Amino acid sequence: MDAALFLADLERKPARLAGLAAALRAGDPWGVSEPDAARSWVFVGMGASAYAAQVAAARLRSHGVRAVAELASTHLLPQVDAGTTVVAITASGGSSETLDACRRIRARDVGARFVALTEVSDSPVAGLCDDVVPLWAGPEAGGVACRTFQHTLALLLALEARLLGAGRDAEKVPELLDRSAEASAHLLATRDTWLADLSELLLGSQGTHVVAPAHRLSSAWQSALMLREGPRLPAYACETGDWSHVDVYLTRTTDYRMLLLPGSRWESELLRWVRERGSTLVAAGDDVRGAAYTLRYPHDDHDDVRLLTETLVAELLAAHAWMLNGAI
């Protein structure tokens, strides 16, 4: 793992997203996996792959599609049948837990179809699956899954568009990726105007808390992971509505510093407690009353642009701290 190379990986995000948009315009990568024939979907993965899968499965369920996401390490894998497509998500193609989950499900011999969502087309997971959908994220020389997380979400959005049909035109996904590339490029180009301020506000000795709405909870999980994985800083994720039930208690006794990713209907209760307790709040993606700093970027009024873009804020915070202080 290398801080400078991690930053370089982040700087390639806009170009790689634009490349993925072009690839999706050229053809549907999910077409080879016969998605229209599947009655149910099971996503398995670990870490960032699991974060993306949880949100993707919830989105599909909200539209009536039978879909679940599980940590590949669980011994409580769901039952599948011949109408199930299992999507094994691993950027490297070699996650031992994900490989094991594929083998355990295959051992039931129920005729489920397996698709590998991976960056490495000739990896072990590809050998266990019937089809491969490439991530098109490119090598991550820094050793941290940043672009692959973003591309996993993008390709799962493309799958959603395919499954939901005319009401969710798949041609809209490349347009979404173009907008997200513009938003990412803006955050990268302007980081000298906001990164030092956000670092001072958010990177306290007692850690950083990232809060996001349930439908974008992957952003909070991934953002916290980036601060832990690179610079080895304490960081925690929470869902906006649940915050008032589980994290509010820390605001009285700790130096509580929050990066809020707006968009939840439950923000008002959170903001009341933050104001009363004098906690530090930074908002990224919308104007929030009482925030010590608000960071905006192009197209942040589009919820799916936020989903694909907002983790770059914490990623750049992580790269900045990592390069200044090194990993602990």
C-alpha atoms as a PDB file:
ATOM      1  CA  MET A   1       0.000   0.000   0.000  1.00  0.00           C
ATOM      2  CA  ASP A   2       1.300   3.426  -0.984  1.00  0.00           C
ATOM      3  CA  ALA A   3      -0.178   6.873  -0.249  1.00  0.00           C
ATOM      4  CA  ALA A   4       1.106   8.611  -3.376  1.00  0.00           C
ATOM      5  CA  LEU A   5      -0.112   5.807  -5.605  1.00  0.00           C
ATOM      6  CA  PHE A   6      -3.472   5.829  -3.812  1.00  0.00           C
ATOM      7  CA  LEU A   7      -3.823   9.526  -4.621  1.00  0.00           C
ATOM      8  CA  ALA A   8      -2.923   8.797  -8.237  1.00  0.00           C
ATOM      9  CA  ASP A   9      -5.644   6.122  -8.294  1.00  0.00           C
ATOM     10  CA  LEU A  10      -8.149   8.729  -7.101  1.00  0.00           C
ATOM     11  CA  GLU A  11      -7.016  11.215  -9.730  1.00  0.00           C
ATOM     12  CA  ARG A  12      -7.856   8.669 -12.435  1.00  0.00           C
ATOM     13  CA  LYS A  13     -11.465   8.328 -11.292  1.00  0.00           C
ATOM     14  CA  PRO A  14     -13.021  10.764 -13.808  1.00  0.00           C
ATOM     15  CA  ALA A  15     -11.283   9.226 -16.815  1.00  0.00           C
ATOM     16  CA  ARG A  16     -12.073   5.684 -15.729  1.00  0.00           C
ATOM     17  CA  LEU A  17     -15.733   6.542 -15.129  1.00  0.00           C
ATOM     18  CA  ALA A  18     -15.943   8.122 -18.570  1.00  0.00           C
ATOM     19  CA  GLY A  19     -14.405   4.953 -19.995  1.00  0.00           C
ATOM     20  CA  LEU A  20     -16.992   2.820 -18.227  1.00  0.00           C
ATOM     21  CA  ALA A  21     -19.753   5.037 -19.611  1.00  0.00           C
ATOM     22  CA  ALA A  22     -18.399   4.477 -23.113  1.00  0.00           C
ATOM     23  CA  ALA A  23     -18.226   0.714 -22.528  1.00  0.00           C
ATOM     24  CA  LEU A  24     -21.854   0.630 -21.377  1.00  0.00           C
ATOM     25  CA  ARG A  25     -22.945   2.590 -24.427  1.00  0.00           C
ATOM     26  CA  ALA A  26     -21.175   0.018 -26.599  1.00  0.00           C
ATOM     27  CA  GLY A  27     -22.966  -2.943 -25.047  1.00  0.00           C
ATOM     28  CA  ASP A  28     -24.720  -4.381 -22.003  1.00  0.00           C
ATOM     29  CA  PRO A  29     -22.196  -6.409 -19.960  1.00  0.00           C
ATOM     30  CA  TRP A  30     -25.032  -8.160 -18.141  1.00  0.00           C
ATOM     31  CA  GLY A  31     -26.523  -9.508 -21.364  1.00  0.00           C
ATOM     32  CA  VAL A  32     -24.258 -12.571 -21.296  1.00  0.00           C
ATOM     33  CA  SER A  33     -25.637 -13.628 -17.915  1.00  0.00           C
ATOM     34  CA  GLU A  34     -29.259 -13.988 -19.049  1.00  0.00           C
ATOM     35  CA  PRO A  35     -30.551 -11.679 -16.299  1.00  0.00           C
ATOM     36  CA  ASP A  36     -34.097 -11.566 -17.595  1.00  0.00           C
ATOM     37  CA  ALA A  37     -34.547 -15.273 -16.888  1.00  0.00           C
ATOM     38  CA  ALA A  38     -33.570 -15.001 -13.219  1.00  0.00           C
ATOM     39  CA  ARG A  39     -36.317 -15.011 -10.600  1.00  0.00           C
ATOM     40  CA  SER A  40     -34.032 -14.055  -7.723  1.00  0.00           C
ATOM     41  CA  TRP A  41     -30.592 -12.600  -7.116  1.00  0.00           C
ATOM     42  CA  VAL A  42     -27.979 -13.279  -4.444  1.00  0.00           C
ATOM     43  CA  PHE A  43     -24.952 -10.993  -4.111  1.00  0.00           C
ATOM     44  CA  VAL A  44     -21.945 -12.158  -2.091  1.00  0.00           C
ATOM     45  CA  GLY A  45     -18.732 -10.290  -1.295  1.00  0.00           C
ATOM     46  CA  MET A  46     -16.576  -8.836   1.432  1.00  0.00           C
ATOM     47  CA  GLY A  47     -15.587  -5.310   2.468  1.00  0.00           C
ATOM     48  CA  ALA A  48     -16.270  -2.656  -0.155  1.00  0.00           C
ATOM     49  CA  SER A  49     -17.884  -5.263  -2.431  1.00  0.00           C
ATOM     50  CA  ALA A  50     -20.392  -6.094   0.285  1.00  0.00           C
ATOM     51  CA  TYR A  51     -21.093  -2.412   0.931  1.00  0.00           C
ATOM     52  CA  ALA A  52     -22.067  -1.859  -2.694  1.00  0.00           C
ATOM     53  CA  ALA A  53     -24.073  -5.076  -2.829  1.00  0.00           C
ATOM     54  CA  GLN A  54     -26.167  -4.190   0.231  1.00  0.00           C
ATOM     55  CA  VAL A  55     -27.401  -0.983  -1.361  1.00  0.00           C
ATOM     56  CA  ALA A  56     -27.929  -2.612  -4.767  1.00  0.00           C
ATOM     57  CA  ALA A  57     -30.014  -5.440  -3.300  1.00  0.00           C
ATOM     58  CA  ALA A  58     -32.152  -3.017  -1.280  1.00  0.00           C
ATOM     59  CA  ARG A  59     -32.813  -0.927  -4.384  1.00  0.00           C
ATOM     60  CA  LEU A  60     -33.915  -4.012  -6.312  1.00  0.00           C
ATOM     61  CA  ARG A  61     -36.186  -5.195  -3.493  1.00  0.00           C
ATOM     62  CA  SER A  62     -37.843  -1.777  -3.401  1.00  0.00           C
ATOM     63  CA  HIS A  63     -38.903  -2.400  -7.019  1.00  0.00           C
ATOM     64  CA  GLY A  64     -40.213  -5.904  -6.330  1.00  0.00           C
ATOM     65  CA  VAL A  65     -37.148  -7.871  -7.435  1.00  0.00           C
ATOM     66  CA  ARG A  66     -36.157 -10.724  -5.137  1.00  0.00           C
ATOM     67  CA  ALA A  67     -32.603  -9.838  -4.160  1.00  0.00           C
ATOM     68  CA  VAL A  68     -30.403 -10.267  -1.106  1.00  0.00           C
ATOM     69  CA  ALA A  69     -26.804  -9.406  -0.308  1.00  0.00           C
ATOM     70  CA  GLU A  70     -24.737 -11.398   2.164  1.00  0.00           C
ATOM     71  CA  LEU A  71     -21.230 -11.315   3.517  1.00  0.00           C
ATOM     72  CA  ALA A  72     -19.508 -14.204   1.801  1.00  0.00           C
ATOM     73  CA  SER A  73     -18.092 -15.274   5.157  1.00  0.00           C
ATOM     74  CA  THR A  74     -21.497 -16.091   6.678  1.00  0.00           C
ATOM     75  CA  HIS A  75     -22.514 -19.670   7.352  1.00  0.00           C
ATOM     76  CA  LEU A  76     -26.120 -18.529   6.804  1.00  0.00           C
ATOM     77  CA  LEU A  77     -26.046 -18.310   3.020  1.00  0.00           C
ATOM     78  CA  PRO A  78     -29.562 -18.169   1.524  1.00  0.00           C
ATOM     79  CA  GLN A  79     -31.215 -21.060  -0.258  1.00  0.00           C
ATOM     80  CA  VAL A  80     -31.027 -20.831  -4.049  1.00  0.00           C
ATOM     81  CA  ASP A  81     -32.569 -22.722  -6.939  1.00  0.00           C
ATOM     82  CA  ALA A  82     -32.366 -22.941 -10.713  1.00  0.00           C
ATOM     83  CA  GLY A  83     -34.015 -19.526 -10.991  1.00  0.00           C
ATOM     84  CA  THR A  84     -31.338 -17.798  -8.931  1.00  0.00           C
ATOM     85  CA  THR A  85     -28.359 -15.830 -10.201  1.00  0.00           C
ATOM     86  CA  VAL A  86     -25.496 -15.597  -7.726  1.00  0.00           C
ATOM     87  CA  VAL A  87     -23.256 -12.562  -8.282  1.00  0.00           C
ATOM     88  CA  ALA A  88     -19.834 -13.062  -6.710  1.00  0.00           C
ATOM     89  CA  ILE A  89     -18.199  -9.656  -6.256  1.00  0.00           C
ATOM     90  CA  THR A  90     -14.452  -9.423  -5.734  1.00  0.00           C
ATOM     91  CA  ALA A  91     -12.279  -6.802  -7.405  1.00  0.00           C
ATOM     92  CA  SER A  92      -9.157  -8.963  -7.226  1.00  0.00           C
ATOM     93  CA  GLY A  93     -11.038 -12.116  -8.112  1.00  0.00           C
ATOM     94  CA  GLY A  94      -9.317 -13.907  -5.255  1.00  0.00           C
ATOM     95  CA  SER A  95     -11.195 -13.101  -2.037  1.00  0.00           C
ATOM     96  CA  SER A  96     -10.996 -16.368  -0.118  1.00  0.00           C
ATOM     97  CA  GLU A  97     -14.373 -15.889   1.570  1.00  0.00           C
ATOM     98  CA  THR A  98     -16.122 -15.156  -1.723  1.00  0.00           C
ATOM     99  CA  LEU A  99     -14.536 -18.148  -3.406  1.00  0.00           C
ATOM    100  CA  ASP A 100     -15.638 -20.308  -0.481  1.00  0.00           C
ATOM    101  CA  ALA A 101     -19.220 -18.990  -0.699  1.00  0.00           C
ATOM    102  CA  CYS A 102     -19.352 -19.878  -4.410  1.00  0.00           C
ATOM    103  CA  ARG A 103     -18.094 -23.380  -3.695  1.00  0.00           C
ATOM    104  CA  ARG A 104     -20.584 -23.902  -0.868  1.00  0.00           C
ATOM    105  CA  ILE A 105     -23.534 -22.802  -2.984  1.00  0.00           C
ATOM    106  CA  ARG A 106     -22.359 -24.831  -5.994  1.00  0.00           C
ATOM    107  CA  ALA A 107     -22.065 -27.897  -3.780  1.00  0.00           C
ATOM    108  CA  ARG A 108     -25.843 -27.857  -3.363  1.00  0.00           C
ATOM    109  CA  ASP A 109     -26.099 -28.596  -7.112  1.00  0.00           C
ATOM    110  CA  VAL A 110     -29.410 -26.796  -7.592  1.00  0.00           C
ATOM    111  CA  GLY A 111     -28.667 -25.294 -10.989  1.00  0.00           C
ATOM    112  CA  ALA A 112     -28.140 -21.671  -9.930  1.00  0.00           C
ATOM    113  CA  ARG A 113     -26.274 -19.451 -12.356  1.00  0.00           C
ATOM    114  CA  PHE A 114     -23.054 -17.738 -11.219  1.00  0.00           C
ATOM    115  CA  VAL A 115     -21.683 -14.406 -12.439  1.00  0.00           C
ATOM    116  CA  ALA A 116     -18.344 -12.959 -11.360  1.00  0.00           C
ATOM    117  CA  LEU A 117     -18.173  -9.175 -11.039  1.00  0.00           C
ATOM    118  CA  THR A 118     -14.425  -8.615 -11.004  1.00  0.00           C
ATOM    119  CA  GLU A 119     -11.535  -6.618 -12.393  1.00  0.00           C
ATOM    120  CA  VAL A 120      -9.517  -9.746 -13.278  1.00  0.00           C
ATOM    121  CA  SER A 121     -11.187 -11.822 -15.980  1.00  0.00           C
ATOM    122  CA  ASP A 122      -8.919 -14.870 -15.542  1.00  0.00           C
ATOM    123  CA  SER A 123      -9.025 -14.867 -11.729  1.00  0.00           C
ATOM    124  CA  PRO A 124     -10.085 -17.775  -9.486  1.00  0.00           C
ATOM    125  CA  VAL A 125     -13.619 -16.414  -9.071  1.00  0.00           C
ATOM    126  CA  ALA A 126     -14.044 -16.341 -12.843  1.00  0.00           C
ATOM    127  CA  GLY A 127     -13.168 -20.018 -12.927  1.00  0.00           C
ATOM    128  CA  LEU A 128     -15.990 -20.758 -10.478  1.00  0.00           C
ATOM    129  CA  CYS A 129     -18.623 -18.794 -12.393  1.00  0.00           C
ATOM    130  CA  ASP A 130     -20.552 -19.219 -15.636  1.00  0.00           C
ATOM    131  CA  ASP A 131     -20.017 -15.627 -16.793  1.00  0.00           C
ATOM    132  CA  VAL A 132     -17.819 -12.651 -15.998  1.00  0.00           C
ATOM    133  CA  VAL A 133     -18.813  -8.983 -15.902  1.00  0.00           C
ATOM    134  CA  PRO A 134     -15.666  -6.802 -15.913  1.00  0.00           C
ATOM    135  CA  LEU A 135     -15.358  -3.779 -13.633  1.00  0.00           C
ATOM    136  CA  TRP A 136     -13.265  -1.732 -16.101  1.00  0.00           C
ATOM    137  CA  ALA A 137     -11.714   0.152 -13.164  1.00  0.00           C
ATOM    138  CA  GLY A 138      -8.081  -0.503 -14.064  1.00  0.00           C
ATOM    139  CA  PRO A 139      -5.273  -1.536 -11.690  1.00  0.00           C
ATOM    140  CA  GLU A 140      -5.254   0.190  -8.299  1.00  0.00           C
ATOM    141  CA  ALA A 141      -1.545   0.638  -7.692  1.00  0.00           C
ATOM    142  CA  GLY A 142      -2.091   2.192  -4.265  1.00  0.00           C
ATOM    143  CA  GLY A 143      -3.432  -1.090  -2.916  1.00  0.00           C
ATOM    144  CA  VAL A 144      -6.793   0.343  -1.815  1.00  0.00           C
ATOM    145  CA  ALA A 145     -10.124  -0.525  -3.455  1.00  0.00           C
ATOM    146  CA  CYS A 146     -11.384   2.933  -4.448  1.00  0.00           C
ATOM    147  CA  ARG A 147     -12.214   2.930  -8.174  1.00  0.00           C
ATOM    148  CA  THR A 148     -13.326  -0.702  -8.009  1.00  0.00           C
ATOM    149  CA  PHE A 149     -15.881   0.213  -5.322  1.00  0.00           C
ATOM    150  CA  GLN A 150     -17.218   3.028  -7.495  1.00  0.00           C
ATOM    151  CA  HIS A 151     -17.368   0.791 -10.570  1.00  0.00           C
ATOM    152  CA  THR A 152     -19.056  -2.002  -8.613  1.00  0.00           C
ATOM    153  CA  LEU A 153     -21.857   0.399  -7.722  1.00  0.00           C
ATOM    154  CA  ALA A 154     -22.054   1.647 -11.310  1.00  0.00           C
ATOM    155  CA  LEU A 155     -22.331  -1.827 -12.782  1.00  0.00           C
ATOM    156  CA  LEU A 156     -24.941  -2.855 -10.225  1.00  0.00           C
ATOM    157  CA  LEU A 157     -26.916   0.243 -11.252  1.00  0.00           C
ATOM    158  CA  ALA A 158     -26.606  -0.966 -14.850  1.00  0.00           C
ATOM    159  CA  LEU A 159     -27.979  -4.347 -13.753  1.00  0.00           C
ATOM    160  CA  GLU A 160     -30.865  -2.600 -11.999  1.00  0.00           C
ATOM    161  CA  ALA A 161     -31.660  -0.657 -15.162  1.00  0.00           C
ATOM    162  CA  ARG A 162     -31.612  -3.887 -17.182  1.00  0.00           C
ATOM    163  CA  LEU A 163     -33.924  -5.723 -14.776  1.00  0.00           C
ATOM    164  CA  LEU A 164     -36.424  -2.893 -14.387  1.00  0.00           C
ATOM    165  CA  GLY A 165     -36.778  -2.433 -18.135  1.00  0.00           C
ATOM    166  CA  ALA A 166     -38.341   0.481 -19.964  1.00  0.00           C
ATOM    167  CA  GLY A 167     -39.191   2.406 -16.811  1.00  0.00           C
ATOM    168  CA  ARG A 168     -35.473   2.619 -15.986  1.00  0.00           C
ATOM    169  CA  ASP A 169     -33.855   3.048 -19.386  1.00  0.00           C
ATOM    170  CA  ALA A 170     -30.368   1.525 -19.312  1.00  0.00           C
ATOM    171  CA  GLU A 171     -29.141   4.333 -21.554  1.00  0.00           C
ATOM    172  CA  LYS A 172     -29.469   6.665 -18.560  1.00  0.00           C
ATOM    173  CA  VAL A 173     -26.667   4.908 -16.682  1.00  0.00           C
ATOM    174  CA  PRO A 174     -23.849   6.119 -18.977  1.00  0.00           C
ATOM    175  CA  GLU A 175     -25.265   9.639 -18.673  1.00  0.00           C
ATOM    176  CA  LEU A 176     -25.197   9.227 -14.889  1.00  0.00           C
ATOM    177  CA  LEU A 177     -21.574   8.103 -15.063  1.00  0.00           C
ATOM    178  CA  ASP A 178     -20.654  11.140 -17.165  1.00  0.00           C
ATOM    179  CA  ARG A 179     -22.201  13.424 -14.548  1.00  0.00           C
ATOM    180  CA  SER A 180     -20.414  11.579 -11.764  1.00  0.00           C
ATOM    181  CA  ALA A 181     -17.134  11.904 -13.651  1.00  0.00           C
ATOM    182  CA  GLU A 182     -17.707  15.678 -13.861  1.00  0.00           C
ATOM    183  CA  ALA A 183     -18.485  15.822 -10.140  1.00  0.00           C
ATOM    184  CA  SER A 184     -15.377  13.805  -9.280  1.00  0.00           C
ATOM    185  CA  ALA A 185     -13.221  15.965 -11.533  1.00  0.00           C
ATOM    186  CA  HIS A 186     -14.512  19.080  -9.766  1.00  0.00           C
ATOM    187  CA  LEU A 187     -13.699  17.721  -6.300  1.00  0.00           C
ATOM    188  CA  LEU A 188     -10.211  16.791  -7.460  1.00  0.00           C
ATOM    189  CA  ALA A 189      -9.563  20.112  -9.204  1.00  0.00           C
ATOM    190  CA  THR A 190     -10.750  22.212  -6.256  1.00  0.00           C
ATOM    191  CA  ARG A 191      -9.297  20.170  -3.395  1.00  0.00           C
ATOM    192  CA  ASP A 192      -6.721  22.839  -2.566  1.00  0.00           C
ATOM    193  CA  THR A 193      -9.617  25.130  -1.587  1.00  0.00           C
ATOM    194  CA  TRP A 194     -11.344  22.759   0.832  1.00  0.00           C
ATOM    195  CA  LEU A 195      -9.193  19.793   1.817  1.00  0.00           C
ATOM    196  CA  ALA A 196      -7.113  21.494   4.521  1.00  0.00           C
ATOM    197  CA  ASP A 197     -10.234  22.970   6.148  1.00  0.00           C
ATOM    198  CA  LEU A 198     -12.068  19.647   6.154  1.00  0.00           C
ATOM    199  CA  SER A 199      -9.015  17.857   7.532  1.00  0.00           C
ATOM    200  CA  GLU A 200      -8.818  20.286  10.443  1.00  0.00           C
ATOM    201  CA  LEU A 201     -12.522  19.987  11.176  1.00  0.00           C
ATOM    202  CA  LEU A 202     -12.959  16.243  10.776  1.00  0.00           C
ATOM    203  CA  LEU A 203      -9.738  14.458  11.686  1.00  0.00           C
ATOM    204  CA  GLY A 204      -9.820  14.645  15.467  1.00  0.00           C
ATOM    205  CA  SER A 205      -7.940  12.457  17.919  1.00  0.00           C
ATOM    206  CA  GLN A 206     -11.138  10.576  18.771  1.00  0.00           C
ATOM    207  CA  GLY A 207     -12.031   9.757  15.219  1.00  0.00           C
ATOM    208  CA  THR A 208     -14.328  10.725  12.377  1.00  0.00           C
ATOM    209  CA  HIS A 209     -17.979   9.691  12.057  1.00  0.00           C
ATOM    210  CA  VAL A 210     -19.536   9.440   8.593  1.00  0.00           C
ATOM    211  CA  VAL A 211     -23.339   9.487   8.432  1.00  0.00           C
ATOM    212  CA  ALA A 212     -25.446   8.731   5.349  1.00  0.00           C
ATOM    213  CA  PRO A 213     -29.075   7.855   4.549  1.00  0.00           C
ATOM    214  CA  ALA A 214     -29.984   4.178   4.354  1.00  0.00           C
ATOM    215  CA  HIS A 215     -30.299   4.196   0.577  1.00  0.00           C
ATOM    216  CA  ARG A 216     -26.672   5.411   0.327  1.00  0.00           C
ATOM    217  CA  LEU A 217     -25.276   3.718   3.418  1.00  0.00           C
ATOM    218  CA  SER A 218     -22.507   2.204   1.316  1.00  0.00           C
ATOM    219  CA  SER A 219     -21.028   5.714   1.146  1.00  0.00           C
ATOM    220  CA  ALA A 220     -20.672   5.944   4.926  1.00  0.00           C
ATOM    221  CA  TRP A 221     -19.202   2.458   5.206  1.00  0.00           C
ATOM    222  CA  GLN A 222     -16.712   3.032   2.402  1.00  0.00           C
ATOM    223  CA  SER A 223     -15.746   6.502   3.611  1.00  0.00           C
ATOM    224  CA  ALA A 224     -14.961   5.226   7.098  1.00  0.00           C
ATOM    225  CA  LEU A 225     -13.025   2.308   5.633  1.00  0.00           C
ATOM    226  CA  MET A 226     -10.843   4.652   3.579  1.00  0.00           C
ATOM    227  CA  LEU A 227      -9.781   6.540   6.716  1.00  0.00           C
ATOM    228  CA  ARG A 228      -9.014   3.290   8.520  1.00  0.00           C
ATOM    229  CA  GLU A 229      -7.300   1.487   5.667  1.00  0.00           C
ATOM    230  CA  GLY A 230      -4.858   4.114   4.429  1.00  0.00           C
ATOM    231  CA  PRO A 231      -3.805   6.476   7.227  1.00  0.00           C
ATOM    232  CA  ARG A 232      -5.086   4.056   9.916  1.00  0.00           C
ATOM    233  CA  LEU A 233      -7.313   6.671  11.543  1.00  0.00           C
ATOM    234  CA  PRO A 234     -10.307   5.797  13.738  1.00  0.00           C
ATOM    235  CA  ALA A 235     -13.481   6.216  11.681  1.00  0.00           C
ATOM    236  CA  TYR A 236     -17.038   4.981  12.028  1.00  0.00           C
ATOM    237  CA  ALA A 237     -20.147   4.767   9.869  1.00  0.00           C
ATOM    238  CA  CYS A 238     -23.776   5.257  10.834  1.00  0.00           C
ATOM    239  CA  GLU A 239     -27.161   5.590   9.110  1.00  0.00           C
ATOM    240  CA  THR A 240     -28.869   8.958   9.529  1.00  0.00           C
ATOM    241  CA  GLY A 241     -32.110   7.756  11.112  1.00  0.00           C
ATOM    242  CA  ASP A 242     -30.391   5.190  13.293  1.00  0.00           C
ATOM    243  CA  TRP A 243     -27.902   7.823  14.491  1.00  0.00           C
ATOM    244  CA  SER A 244     -30.427   9.137  17.016  1.00  0.00           C
ATOM    245  CA  HIS A 245     -30.651   5.621  18.483  1.00  0.00           C
ATOM    246  CA  VAL A 246     -27.007   4.540  18.530  1.00  0.00           C
ATOM    247  CA  ASP A 247     -24.480   7.374  18.049  1.00  0.00           C
ATOM    248  CA  VAL A 248     -26.120  10.375  19.714  1.00  0.00           C
ATOM    249  CA  TYR A 249     -24.758   9.201  23.060  1.00  0.00           C
ATOM    250  CA  LEU A 250     -21.190   9.937  21.967  1.00  0.00           C
ATOM    251  CA  THR A 251     -21.893  13.623  21.374  1.00  0.00           C
ATOM    252  CA  ARG A 252     -21.936  14.400  25.100  1.00  0.00           C
ATOM    253  CA  THR A 253     -18.726  12.624  26.090  1.00  0.00           C
ATOM    254  CA  THR A 254     -16.412  12.747  23.048  1.00  0.00           C
ATOM    255  CA  ASP A 255     -14.975  15.231  20.586  1.00  0.00           C
ATOM    256  CA  TYR A 256     -17.601  14.199  18.062  1.00  0.00           C
ATOM    257  CA  ARG A 257     -16.789  15.123  14.439  1.00  0.00           C
ATOM    258  CA  MET A 258     -19.250  14.215  11.696  1.00  0.00           C
ATOM    259  CA  LEU A 259     -19.111  14.154   7.926  1.00  0.00           C
ATOM    260  CA  LEU A 260     -22.784  14.214   6.960  1.00  0.00           C
ATOM    261  CA  LEU A 261     -23.822  12.959   3.537  1.00  0.00           C
ATOM    262  CA  PRO A 262     -27.265  14.582   3.245  1.00  0.00           C
ATOM    263  CA  GLY A 263     -30.492  13.243   1.816  1.00  0.00           C
ATOM    264  CA  SER A 264     -32.355  11.534   4.654  1.00  0.00           C
ATOM    265  CA  ARG A 265     -35.820  12.519   5.813  1.00  0.00           C
ATOM    266  CA  TRP A 266     -34.557  11.937   9.362  1.00  0.00           C
ATOM    267  CA  GLU A 267     -31.858  14.628   9.403  1.00  0.00           C
ATOM    268  CA  SER A 268     -33.805  17.126  11.522  1.00  0.00           C
ATOM    269  CA  GLU A 269     -33.525  15.055  14.698  1.00  0.00           C
ATOM    270  CA  LEU A 270     -29.811  14.503  14.137  1.00  0.00           C
ATOM    271  CA  LEU A 271     -29.235  18.207  13.536  1.00  0.00           C
ATOM    272  CA  ARG A 272     -31.108  19.141  16.710  1.00  0.00           C
ATOM    273  CA  TRP A 273     -28.795  17.015  18.834  1.00  0.00           C
ATOM    274  CA  VAL A 274     -25.692  18.235  17.021  1.00  0.00           C
ATOM    275  CA  ARG A 275     -26.660  21.858  17.666  1.00  0.00           C
ATOM    276  CA  GLU A 276     -27.493  21.237  21.329  1.00  0.00           C
ATOM    277  CA  ARG A 277     -24.271  19.334  21.985  1.00  0.00           C
ATOM    278  CA  GLY A 278     -21.991  21.615  19.953  1.00  0.00           C
ATOM    279  CA  SER A 279     -20.596  18.784  17.840  1.00  0.00           C
ATOM    280  CA  THR A 280     -18.584  19.491  14.702  1.00  0.00           C
ATOM    281  CA  LEU A 281     -20.565  18.956  11.510  1.00  0.00           C
ATOM    282  CA  VAL A 282     -19.358  19.088   7.914  1.00  0.00           C
ATOM    283  CA  ALA A 283     -21.837  18.511   5.076  1.00  0.00           C
ATOM    284  CA  ALA A 284     -20.919  17.290   1.592  1.00  0.00           C
ATOM    285  CA  GLY A 285     -23.500  17.409  -1.172  1.00  0.00           C
ATOM    286  CA  ASP A 286     -26.102  19.882   0.070  1.00  0.00           C
ATOM    287  CA  ASP A 287     -26.507  22.980   2.241  1.00  0.00           C
ATOM    288  CA  VAL A 288     -27.142  22.018   5.861  1.00  0.00           C
ATOM    289  CA  ARG A 289     -28.031  24.581   8.508  1.00  0.00           C
ATOM    290  CA  GLY A 290     -25.455  24.719  11.276  1.00  0.00           C
ATOM    291  CA  ALA A 291     -22.668  23.019   9.350  1.00  0.00           C
ATOM    292  CA  ALA A 292     -19.181  24.310  10.070  1.00  0.00           C
ATOM    293  CA  TYR A 293     -18.383  23.741   6.399  1.00  0.00           C
ATOM    294  CA  THR A 294     -20.497  22.821   3.384  1.00  0.00           C
ATOM    295  CA  LEU A 295     -18.878  21.236   0.337  1.00  0.00           C
ATOM    296  CA  ARG A 296     -20.830  21.293  -2.914  1.00  0.00           C
ATOM    297  CA  TYR A 297     -20.034  19.793  -6.303  1.00  0.00           C
ATOM    298  CA  PRO A 298     -21.687  19.649  -9.744  1.00  0.00           C
ATOM    299  CA  HIS A 299     -24.847  17.538 -10.035  1.00  0.00           C
ATOM    300  CA  ASP A 300     -25.052  16.934  -6.258  1.00  0.00           C
ATOM    301  CA  ASP A 301     -28.817  17.489  -6.529  1.00  0.00           C
ATOM    302  CA  HIS A 302     -28.968  14.059  -8.230  1.00  0.00           C
ATOM    303  CA  ASP A 303     -29.067  11.293  -5.637  1.00  0.00           C
ATOM    304  CA  ASP A 304     -27.314   8.683  -7.775  1.00  0.00           C
ATOM    305  CA  VAL A 305     -24.516  11.145  -8.580  1.00  0.00           C
ATOM    306  CA  ARG A 306     -24.047  11.478  -4.829  1.00  0.00           C
ATOM    307  CA  LEU A 307     -23.978   7.701  -4.499  1.00  0.00           C
ATOM    308  CA  LEU A 308     -21.188   7.404  -7.061  1.00  0.00           C
ATOM    309  CA  THR A 309     -19.223  10.510  -6.058  1.00  0.00           C
ATOM    310  CA  GLU A 310     -19.403  11.378  -2.365  1.00  0.00           C
ATOM    311  CA  THR A 311     -16.896   8.811  -1.087  1.00  0.00           C
ATOM    312  CA  LEU A 312     -14.191  10.779  -2.917  1.00  0.00           C
ATOM    313  CA  VAL A 313     -14.375  13.394  -0.145  1.00  0.00           C
ATOM    314  CA  ALA A 314     -13.238  10.936   2.529  1.00  0.00           C
ATOM    315  CA  GLU A 315     -10.836   9.271   0.109  1.00  0.00           C
ATOM    316  CA  LEU A 316      -9.059  12.577  -0.440  1.00  0.00           C
ATOM    317  CA  LEU A 317      -9.070  13.231   3.315  1.00  0.00           C
ATOM    318  CA  ALA A 318      -7.474   9.819   3.778  1.00  0.00           C
ATOM    319  CA  ALA A 319      -4.856  10.418   1.093  1.00  0.00           C
ATOM    320  CA  HIS A 320      -4.011  13.827   2.579  1.00  0.00           C
ATOM    321  CA  ALA A 321      -3.563  12.458   6.120  1.00  0.00           C
ATOM    322  CA  TRP A 322      -1.708   9.398   4.861  1.00  0.00           C
ATOM    323  CA  MET A 323       0.808  11.438   2.896  1.00  0.00           C
ATOM    324  CA  LEU A 324       1.345  13.897   5.773  1.00  0.00           C
ATOM    325  CA  ASN A 325       1.689  11.426   8.609  1.00  0.00           C
ATOM    326  CA  GLY A 326       2.200   8.012   7.039  1.00  0.00           C
ATOM    327  CA  ALA A 327       0.296   4.903   8.103  1.00  0.00           C
ATOM    328  CA  ILE A 328       0.435   4.120  11.822  1.00  0.00           C
END
